[in-house]
Protein backbone atom coordinates (compact mmCIF):
# COMPACT_ATOMS: atom_id res chain seq x y z
CA MET A 1 100.29 91.43 210.60
CA THR A 2 100.21 87.83 211.77
CA GLU A 3 102.28 86.64 214.73
CA THR A 4 104.53 84.63 212.38
CA ALA A 5 104.98 87.61 210.05
CA THR A 6 105.88 89.83 212.99
CA ARG A 7 108.42 87.30 214.31
CA HIS A 8 110.01 86.88 210.89
CA LYS A 9 110.13 90.63 210.30
CA LYS A 10 111.99 91.13 213.58
CA ALA A 11 114.41 88.30 212.76
CA ASN A 12 115.09 89.42 209.20
CA LYS A 13 114.81 93.21 209.57
CA THR A 14 112.59 93.18 206.50
CA THR A 15 109.14 92.09 205.46
CA ASP A 16 108.87 89.20 203.07
CA ARG A 17 107.32 89.99 199.70
CA ILE A 18 104.55 87.45 200.27
CA ILE A 19 103.52 89.28 203.47
CA GLU A 20 103.60 92.65 201.71
CA GLU A 21 101.39 91.28 198.92
CA LEU A 22 98.91 89.71 201.34
CA ILE A 23 98.61 92.98 203.26
CA LYS A 24 98.29 95.04 200.08
CA ARG A 25 95.55 92.74 198.75
CA LYS A 26 93.87 92.44 202.18
CA ARG A 27 94.08 88.67 202.03
CA SER A 28 95.20 85.87 204.32
CA VAL A 29 96.82 82.60 203.30
CA TRP A 30 93.47 80.92 204.06
CA ASP A 31 91.80 82.98 201.30
CA LEU A 32 94.17 81.89 198.54
CA GLY A 33 93.22 79.65 195.65
CA GLU A 34 94.66 78.34 192.42
CA ASP A 35 93.89 81.63 190.62
CA ASP A 36 96.30 83.55 192.89
CA LYS A 37 99.42 82.89 190.81
CA TRP A 38 101.07 86.03 192.19
CA VAL A 39 101.65 84.02 195.39
CA ASN A 40 104.13 81.69 193.69
CA ASP A 41 106.05 84.62 192.18
CA ALA A 42 106.25 86.36 195.55
CA THR A 43 107.33 83.15 197.27
CA ARG A 44 110.08 82.50 194.70
CA GLU A 45 111.27 86.10 195.08
CA ASP A 46 111.50 85.65 198.85
CA ILE A 47 113.34 82.33 198.51
CA ARG A 48 115.78 83.86 196.05
CA ARG A 49 116.48 86.76 198.44
CA TYR A 50 117.18 84.39 201.34
CA ALA A 51 119.32 82.09 199.15
CA GLU A 52 121.45 84.98 197.91
CA LYS A 53 122.40 85.74 201.52
CA GLY A 54 123.93 82.27 201.56
CA ASP A 55 123.16 81.44 205.17
CA VAL A 56 120.05 79.30 204.67
CA PHE A 57 119.04 75.87 203.46
CA GLY A 58 115.67 74.59 202.37
CA LEU A 59 113.69 71.53 203.35
CA LYS A 60 111.19 69.62 201.23
CA LEU A 61 109.47 68.31 204.31
CA TRP A 62 107.89 64.96 203.53
CA GLU A 63 110.70 63.91 201.22
CA HIS A 64 113.24 64.97 203.88
CA ARG A 65 115.25 66.51 201.06
CA TYR A 66 117.61 69.41 201.77
CA LEU A 67 118.29 72.15 199.20
CA GLU A 68 121.08 74.70 199.16
CA GLY A 69 122.50 77.46 196.99
CA ASP A 70 121.44 77.33 193.34
CA GLU A 71 118.86 74.65 194.09
CA LEU A 72 116.97 77.26 196.10
CA VAL A 73 117.44 80.07 193.59
CA ASP A 74 115.89 78.00 190.80
CA VAL A 75 113.37 76.04 192.86
CA PRO A 76 110.10 75.20 191.08
CA ASN A 77 106.69 75.75 192.64
CA PHE A 78 106.18 73.38 195.57
CA GLY A 79 109.89 72.45 195.41
CA VAL A 80 110.68 73.54 198.98
CA ASP A 81 108.53 73.97 202.07
CA MET A 82 110.65 75.77 204.66
CA LEU A 83 113.91 77.70 204.94
CA PHE A 84 116.23 77.53 207.94
CA ARG A 85 119.49 79.12 209.04
CA LYS A 86 122.42 76.87 208.19
CA GLU A 87 123.44 76.94 211.83
CA ASP A 88 120.16 75.13 212.69
CA ARG A 89 120.70 72.19 210.32
CA ASP A 90 121.68 69.76 213.09
CA LYS A 91 118.53 70.69 215.03
CA VAL A 92 116.33 70.16 211.94
CA GLU A 93 117.93 66.80 211.17
CA LYS A 94 117.54 65.71 214.80
CA LEU A 95 113.83 66.63 214.84
CA ILE A 96 113.25 64.62 211.66
CA GLU A 97 115.21 61.62 212.98
CA GLU A 98 113.21 61.68 216.22
CA TYR A 99 109.95 61.89 214.26
CA GLU A 100 110.89 58.95 212.02
CA ALA A 101 111.73 56.82 215.07
CA LYS A 102 108.23 57.26 216.51
CA GLU A 103 105.07 55.48 215.53
CA TRP A 104 103.08 57.72 213.18
CA SER A 105 100.21 59.73 214.62
CA MET A 106 98.59 63.07 213.88
CA GLU A 107 99.94 64.38 217.18
CA THR A 108 103.58 63.50 216.43
CA THR A 109 103.21 64.96 212.93
CA LYS A 110 101.75 68.17 214.31
CA GLN A 111 104.55 68.40 216.88
CA LEU A 112 107.18 68.01 214.16
CA VAL A 113 105.63 70.69 211.95
CA ASP A 114 105.21 73.07 214.90
CA LYS A 115 108.83 72.62 216.01
CA LEU A 116 110.14 73.07 212.47
CA ALA A 117 107.98 76.16 212.01
CA GLU A 118 109.49 77.67 215.16
CA LEU A 119 113.01 77.10 213.81
CA SER A 120 112.30 78.26 210.27
CA VAL A 121 113.12 81.69 208.92
CA TYR A 122 110.60 81.30 206.10
CA MET A 123 107.64 79.05 205.38
CA CYS A 124 106.78 78.81 201.71
CA VAL A 125 103.31 79.59 200.43
CA TRP A 126 102.36 77.93 197.14
CA VAL A 127 99.07 77.76 195.23
């Protein structure tokens, strides 16, 4: 199990469907291609499960668009990138504001994505 999967399993007391499917199929996210449509179904199932708990929101990263409730339950493929605990919304917004205030570079972009990944409870996998 990857380090991220292990961290998320501890935090959520469950294994996400996408992780279960990757393990069952002996695959990694780096092996996936457009023929692996099962990935999108597993990702939507995971998003739906988190959304039904009601304590998360989603982020469409480069649009800086936030999704909640039914928007997450019915999200289309590629419609959301990360899920966060609602209690972390101020932190997420602050990270994005700080990023937008800086001059663009690969380093600042990588730092933003890394920090958001650390805060997230789920990172979506789409093919």
